[in-house]
Amino acid sequence: MGALDQQIMFGDESTYGTPVVPTKTFEFNSESIDDSYGRTEGDPLRVGTYVKRSDRFTPYYEGASGTIEFDVMTKGFGYFLKHMLGNVATTGPTETVVYTHTGTMADLLGKSFTCQVGRPLHPTGTVQPFTFEGGKITEWELANSVEGNLVLTLTTDFQQVLTATALATAAYPTGMENFTWVGGVVQIDGSPYDVTEFSVSCNNGLNTDRRYIKGGADKKEPTGGRREVSFSLSADFDSLTQRNKAASATRAGALGAITATWQGPVLLGSTIYPTITVTIPAARFDEWQGANGGPEGISQSLSGVGAYDGTNSAVSITYKSADVTP
């Protein structure tokens, strides 16, 4: 395949910044992980110096960061739940082959991964591995629109990169299928609501610049802060029901429960299909737009945040799959 031999693989680290051989292989749409390089510069005053001297700077590696985009499949996705949210609980099997992995918000400290990206050299096609260690998910988004696949976008941060580590052998799950708009259902307050676009995202509030005078430039593991969950959706302007949430003068009136489920096309057991379900128990509707834009039927757009109701995770993701472990 040569220049088309891109690959991406992941593996959980036992210690932040200590790389492991990745074992989880994923199909991906794109990645934009870029290195960042620092320079400590001196600018002394001395005779005959018109520009900064070439021997008065010290280079160091700052880290790497960037986004990775995947189509969400009926196998493999559970791996990301603990890195996106913090905790994952597994139950099953049901009908002997169906396992349910539920991700909820918990501390992300102590959870990191190694990500190896295979990038083919041009024009030879020889694959150059980049092994990024100390991986954390700083932000994530799940999005779907009519005639499209369910897409996961991860924003990542890494402590260090290696370029001499051997390329791991890619091994993809067999029999996996896409989650698509055809199998999607969005509910607001328990009632199905036909939408043309839906997205949910979370900023994990990680401090990714923990640098210290400690005999080296590598940053320490990012620590967490306040997280921000947000959602948006578009639909026909069919009534004032959803607009009234954003316009409500009471807290109760501005809140609703959102559940979005995508079902895979092929049965797992005898009656159960693979599914992924996103739940926002206390969705606060903050914005509404529904102005005229032409002679076509008017659409409305709604957005807001996922708040904490004091009991439930502000957002949770439930994944039913044939995967025994997430």
Protein backbone atom coordinates (compact mmCIF):
# COMPACT_ATOMS: atom_id res chain seq x y z
CA MET A 1 0.00 0.00 0.00
CA GLY A 2 2.98 2.33 0.52
CA ALA A 3 1.79 5.89 1.00
CA LEU A 4 -1.64 4.63 2.13
CA ASP A 5 -0.26 2.62 5.07
CA GLN A 6 -1.36 5.02 7.79
CA GLN A 7 -2.16 3.45 11.16
CA ILE A 8 -2.95 4.49 14.70
CA MET A 9 -2.74 2.35 17.84
CA PHE A 10 -3.19 2.87 21.58
CA GLY A 11 -2.15 1.22 24.83
CA ASP A 12 -2.83 2.05 28.49
CA GLU A 13 0.16 3.22 30.53
CA SER A 14 0.73 2.05 34.08
CA THR A 15 2.74 5.20 34.81
CA TYR A 16 2.22 8.54 33.13
CA GLY A 17 4.89 9.13 30.50
CA THR A 18 6.21 5.55 30.52
CA PRO A 19 5.45 4.21 27.05
CA VAL A 20 3.95 0.80 26.40
CA VAL A 21 3.57 -1.28 23.25
CA PRO A 22 0.18 -0.30 21.83
CA THR A 23 -2.29 -3.14 21.25
CA LYS A 24 -5.55 -1.38 20.28
CA THR A 25 -5.83 -0.55 16.58
CA PHE A 26 -8.40 1.85 15.15
CA GLU A 27 -9.51 3.05 11.78
CA PHE A 28 -9.32 6.84 11.74
CA ASN A 29 -10.29 9.70 9.46
CA SER A 30 -7.50 12.13 10.30
CA GLU A 31 -4.98 13.17 12.94
CA SER A 32 -3.24 16.49 13.54
CA ILE A 33 -0.86 15.73 16.42
CA ASP A 34 1.96 18.28 16.26
CA ASP A 35 5.14 18.63 18.29
CA SER A 36 5.92 21.80 20.20
CA TYR A 37 9.50 22.96 20.75
CA GLY A 38 10.72 25.46 23.34
CA ARG A 39 13.74 27.73 23.35
CA THR A 40 15.28 29.34 26.42
CA GLU A 41 17.05 32.45 25.10
CA GLY A 42 19.64 34.82 26.48
CA ASP A 43 20.26 38.28 25.01
CA PRO A 44 23.35 39.70 26.72
CA LEU A 45 24.82 43.08 25.92
CA ARG A 46 28.34 42.89 24.53
CA VAL A 47 30.54 44.61 21.96
CA GLY A 48 29.76 43.92 18.28
CA THR A 49 26.42 42.13 18.82
CA TYR A 50 23.77 43.25 16.32
CA VAL A 51 21.50 40.19 16.58
CA LYS A 52 21.08 37.46 19.18
CA ARG A 53 24.03 35.10 19.44
CA SER A 54 23.76 31.49 18.21
CA ASP A 55 25.31 30.14 21.43
CA ARG A 56 22.88 31.74 23.86
CA PHE A 57 19.81 29.53 23.51
CA THR A 58 18.89 26.11 24.92
CA PRO A 59 16.32 23.99 23.08
CA TYR A 60 13.87 21.68 24.81
CA TYR A 61 10.82 19.60 23.90
CA GLU A 62 7.52 21.03 25.14
CA GLY A 63 5.24 18.13 24.22
CA ALA A 64 2.68 17.37 21.53
CA SER A 65 -1.03 17.93 21.05
CA GLY A 66 -3.70 17.72 18.40
CA THR A 67 -6.96 16.14 17.32
CA ILE A 68 -7.84 12.66 16.10
CA GLU A 69 -11.11 11.94 14.29
CA PHE A 70 -12.75 8.52 14.13
CA ASP A 71 -15.98 7.06 12.84
CA VAL A 72 -17.52 5.31 15.85
CA MET A 73 -17.76 1.57 15.24
CA THR A 74 -19.68 -1.24 16.90
CA LYS A 75 -16.42 -2.66 18.27
CA GLY A 76 -13.46 -1.04 20.02
CA PHE A 77 -14.92 2.31 21.07
CA GLY A 78 -15.22 1.32 24.75
CA TYR A 79 -11.46 1.72 25.08
CA PHE A 80 -11.75 5.50 25.12
CA LEU A 81 -14.44 5.78 27.81
CA LYS A 82 -12.13 5.86 30.83
CA HIS A 83 -9.87 8.42 29.15
CA MET A 84 -12.81 10.61 28.10
CA LEU A 85 -14.80 10.44 31.33
CA GLY A 86 -12.73 8.80 34.07
CA ASN A 87 -14.64 5.64 35.01
CA VAL A 88 -16.06 2.67 33.12
CA ALA A 89 -18.15 -0.17 34.53
CA THR A 90 -18.80 -3.40 32.60
CA THR A 91 -21.72 -5.78 32.94
CA GLY A 92 -22.72 -8.91 31.05
CA PRO A 93 -22.75 -10.97 29.08
CA THR A 94 -26.39 -10.80 28.06
CA GLU A 95 -27.53 -13.33 25.47
CA THR A 96 -24.04 -14.84 25.98
CA VAL A 97 -22.25 -12.29 23.75
CA VAL A 98 -23.39 -8.76 24.66
CA TYR A 99 -21.35 -6.68 27.13
CA THR A 100 -22.38 -3.25 28.39
CA HIS A 101 -19.66 -0.68 29.14
CA THR A 102 -20.84 2.48 30.89
CA GLY A 103 -18.59 5.52 31.18
CA THR A 104 -19.25 8.14 33.85
CA MET A 105 -17.37 11.16 35.17
CA ALA A 106 -14.58 10.41 37.63
CA ASP A 107 -11.01 11.52 38.33
CA LEU A 108 -8.76 11.29 35.27
CA LEU A 109 -5.55 11.32 37.31
CA GLY A 110 -3.55 8.13 36.81
CA LYS A 111 -5.14 7.35 33.45
CA SER A 112 -2.86 7.89 30.49
CA PHE A 113 -2.04 6.16 27.23
CA THR A 114 0.61 5.69 24.59
CA CYS A 115 -0.47 6.52 21.04
CA GLN A 116 1.59 5.36 18.08
CA VAL A 117 0.94 6.95 14.70
CA GLY A 118 2.36 5.42 11.52
CA ARG A 119 3.10 8.18 9.00
CA PRO A 120 4.35 7.10 5.54
CA LEU A 121 7.34 8.99 4.16
CA HIS A 122 6.76 10.63 0.79
CA PRO A 123 7.33 9.45 -1.90
CA THR A 124 8.88 6.14 -0.70
CA GLY A 125 5.89 5.06 1.39
CA THR A 126 8.15 3.75 4.19
CA VAL A 127 6.16 4.07 7.40
CA GLN A 128 7.77 6.24 10.09
CA PRO A 129 6.37 5.55 13.57
CA PHE A 130 5.78 8.39 16.02
CA THR A 131 5.21 7.01 19.51
CA PHE A 132 3.57 9.63 21.72
CA GLU A 133 3.71 8.93 25.45
CA GLY A 134 1.89 10.48 28.40
CA GLY A 135 -1.38 10.77 26.47
CA LYS A 136 -4.44 12.49 27.88
CA ILE A 137 -7.79 13.45 26.32
CA THR A 138 -8.31 17.14 27.02
CA GLU A 139 -11.54 17.50 25.02
CA TRP A 140 -13.90 15.23 23.11
CA GLU A 141 -16.93 15.52 20.87
CA LEU A 142 -19.50 13.08 19.49
CA ALA A 143 -21.40 14.45 16.48
CA ASN A 144 -23.84 13.18 13.89
CA SER A 145 -25.83 14.75 11.07
CA VAL A 146 -28.25 13.50 8.43
CA GLU A 147 -26.56 11.24 5.85
CA GLY A 148 -23.44 10.94 8.01
CA ASN A 149 -21.66 8.57 10.36
CA LEU A 150 -21.40 9.13 14.11
CA VAL A 151 -18.00 10.81 14.52
CA LEU A 152 -15.76 11.00 17.58
CA THR A 153 -13.17 13.80 17.74
CA LEU A 154 -10.54 13.61 20.47
CA THR A 155 -8.29 16.51 21.43
CA THR A 156 -5.13 15.02 22.90
CA ASP A 157 -2.05 16.11 24.84
CA PHE A 158 1.24 14.23 25.17
CA GLN A 159 4.34 14.57 27.31
CA GLN A 160 6.96 13.22 24.93
CA VAL A 161 7.50 11.50 21.56
CA LEU A 162 9.83 8.75 20.36
CA THR A 163 10.76 8.17 16.71
CA ALA A 164 13.03 5.12 17.05
CA THR A 165 10.44 2.74 18.55
CA ALA A 166 9.45 -0.09 16.23
CA LEU A 167 6.09 0.11 14.51
CA ALA A 168 3.57 -2.13 16.26
CA THR A 169 1.59 -4.61 14.19
CA ALA A 170 -1.91 -3.40 13.37
CA ALA A 171 -4.77 -5.82 14.08
CA TYR A 172 -8.30 -4.54 13.53
CA PRO A 173 -11.46 -5.96 15.12
CA THR A 174 -13.42 -8.18 12.76
CA GLY A 175 -17.09 -7.79 11.93
CA MET A 176 -17.40 -4.18 13.07
CA GLU A 177 -19.95 -1.78 11.57
CA ASN A 178 -20.50 1.98 11.54
CA PHE A 179 -23.01 3.75 13.76
CA THR A 180 -24.86 6.07 11.37
CA TRP A 181 -27.69 8.60 11.30
CA VAL A 182 -30.03 5.84 10.11
CA GLY A 183 -29.87 4.13 13.52
CA GLY A 184 -29.93 7.31 15.59
CA VAL A 185 -32.72 8.49 17.89
CA VAL A 186 -32.57 11.64 20.03
CA GLN A 187 -34.98 12.07 22.93
CA ILE A 188 -35.77 15.16 24.97
CA ASP A 189 -37.55 14.49 28.26
CA GLY A 190 -38.26 10.93 27.16
CA SER A 191 -39.93 11.78 23.84
CA PRO A 192 -38.25 11.20 20.45
CA TYR A 193 -37.34 14.45 18.75
CA ASP A 194 -36.43 14.49 15.06
CA VAL A 195 -33.17 16.38 14.53
CA THR A 196 -30.90 17.04 11.56
CA GLU A 197 -27.73 17.53 13.62
CA PHE A 198 -26.69 16.61 17.14
CA SER A 199 -23.44 16.99 19.05
CA VAL A 200 -22.22 16.64 22.62
CA SER A 201 -18.78 17.70 23.79
CA CYS A 202 -16.74 17.96 26.95
CA ASN A 203 -13.72 20.02 27.92
CA ASN A 204 -11.98 18.05 30.68
CA GLY A 205 -10.38 21.17 32.18
CA LEU A 206 -6.90 19.66 32.35
CA ASN A 207 -3.87 21.74 33.27
CA THR A 208 -1.48 20.58 30.53
CA ASP A 209 1.45 22.86 31.39
CA ARG A 210 2.71 21.52 34.71
CA ARG A 211 6.43 22.34 34.36
CA TYR A 212 8.89 22.51 37.23
CA ILE A 213 12.59 23.00 37.89
CA LYS A 214 13.30 19.32 38.36
CA GLY A 215 16.30 18.38 36.25
CA GLY A 216 14.41 18.04 32.98
CA ALA A 217 11.85 19.66 30.70
CA ASP A 218 9.18 16.94 30.69
CA LYS A 219 5.94 18.20 32.17
CA LYS A 220 4.15 16.32 34.93
CA GLU A 221 0.80 14.61 34.49
CA PRO A 222 -2.02 17.09 33.81
CA THR A 223 -4.42 17.57 36.71
CA GLY A 224 -8.12 18.22 36.42
CA GLY A 225 -10.25 21.30 36.93
CA ARG A 226 -13.88 22.14 36.32
CA ARG A 227 -15.24 20.29 33.29
CA GLU A 228 -17.58 21.81 30.72
CA VAL A 229 -20.21 19.68 28.98
CA SER A 230 -22.09 21.24 26.08
CA PHE A 231 -24.61 20.12 23.47
CA SER A 232 -26.24 21.44 20.32
CA LEU A 233 -28.97 20.26 17.98
CA SER A 234 -30.89 21.42 14.93
CA ALA A 235 -34.47 20.53 13.99
CA ASP A 236 -37.56 21.80 12.23
CA PHE A 237 -39.27 24.74 13.91
CA ASP A 238 -42.30 22.61 14.72
CA SER A 239 -43.48 24.28 17.94
CA LEU A 240 -42.41 26.56 20.77
CA THR A 241 -41.74 23.62 23.12
CA GLN A 242 -37.95 23.61 22.91
CA ARG A 243 -37.66 27.38 22.46
CA ASN A 244 -39.59 27.80 25.70
CA LYS A 245 -36.84 25.97 27.56
CA ALA A 246 -34.25 28.56 26.57
CA ALA A 247 -36.71 31.37 27.26
CA SER A 248 -37.88 30.03 30.62
CA ALA A 249 -37.71 32.35 33.62
CA THR A 250 -37.41 29.40 36.01
CA ARG A 251 -34.57 26.94 36.58
CA ALA A 252 -36.87 23.93 36.23
CA GLY A 253 -38.26 25.22 32.95
CA ALA A 254 -34.81 25.65 31.43
CA LEU A 255 -33.75 22.07 32.17
CA GLY A 256 -34.45 18.90 30.25
CA ALA A 257 -33.08 15.38 29.91
CA ILE A 258 -31.39 14.46 26.63
CA THR A 259 -30.74 10.89 25.52
CA ALA A 260 -29.21 10.10 22.14
CA THR A 261 -28.89 6.48 21.00
CA TRP A 262 -27.37 4.98 17.87
CA GLN A 263 -28.07 1.36 16.96
CA GLY A 264 -25.81 -0.74 14.77
CA PRO A 265 -27.25 -2.55 11.75
CA VAL A 266 -26.40 -6.14 12.71
CA LEU A 267 -27.65 -8.16 15.70
CA LEU A 268 -25.17 -9.17 18.39
CA GLY A 269 -27.26 -11.76 20.18
CA SER A 270 -30.72 -13.05 19.37
CA THR A 271 -32.54 -9.75 20.06
CA ILE A 272 -29.89 -7.18 21.06
CA TYR A 273 -28.18 -4.83 18.65
CA PRO A 274 -24.93 -2.97 19.35
CA THR A 275 -25.72 0.52 20.62
CA ILE A 276 -24.10 3.63 21.95
CA THR A 277 -26.15 5.93 24.18
CA VAL A 278 -25.24 9.41 25.41
CA THR A 279 -27.23 10.67 28.40
CA ILE A 280 -27.34 14.23 29.75
CA PRO A 281 -29.71 14.09 32.75
CA ALA A 282 -29.72 17.86 33.41
CA ALA A 283 -29.34 19.60 30.07
CA ARG A 284 -29.66 23.37 30.49
CA PHE A 285 -31.04 25.02 27.35
CA ASP A 286 -29.27 28.38 26.98
CA GLU A 287 -29.57 29.41 23.33
CA TRP A 288 -32.28 29.24 20.66
CA GLN A 289 -32.27 30.47 17.08
CA GLY A 290 -35.11 30.20 14.60
CA ALA A 291 -35.16 33.28 12.40
CA ASN A 292 -36.37 33.34 8.78
CA GLY A 293 -33.65 32.65 6.26
CA GLY A 294 -35.62 32.36 3.04
CA PRO A 295 -38.72 30.73 1.56
CA GLU A 296 -37.79 27.28 2.90
CA GLY A 297 -39.24 25.77 6.04
CA ILE A 298 -37.73 27.35 9.15
CA SER A 299 -35.28 25.33 11.22
CA GLN A 300 -34.34 25.93 14.82
CA SER A 301 -31.05 25.50 16.62
CA LEU A 302 -30.69 24.83 20.32
CA SER A 303 -27.63 24.64 22.52
CA GLY A 304 -26.66 24.60 26.15
CA VAL A 305 -24.63 22.85 28.81
CA GLY A 306 -24.78 19.68 30.80
CA ALA A 307 -25.16 20.57 34.48
CA TYR A 308 -24.72 18.39 37.57
CA ASP A 309 -28.00 17.46 39.26
CA GLY A 310 -26.31 16.38 42.48
CA THR A 311 -26.68 12.66 41.80
CA ASN A 312 -26.01 11.58 38.22
CA SER A 313 -22.95 12.02 36.03
CA ALA A 314 -23.41 15.22 34.02
CA VAL A 315 -22.88 13.10 30.92
CA SER A 316 -22.59 9.34 30.59
CA ILE A 317 -21.95 7.05 27.64
CA THR A 318 -23.23 3.47 27.47
CA TYR A 319 -21.75 1.17 24.86
CA LYS A 320 -23.19 -2.27 24.09
CA SER A 321 -20.77 -4.41 22.13
CA ALA A 322 -19.33 -7.86 21.70
CA ASP A 323 -16.13 -6.53 23.33
CA VAL A 324 -15.58 -8.39 26.60
CA THR A 325 -13.48 -5.55 27.99
CA PRO A 326 -13.65 -1.84 27.13
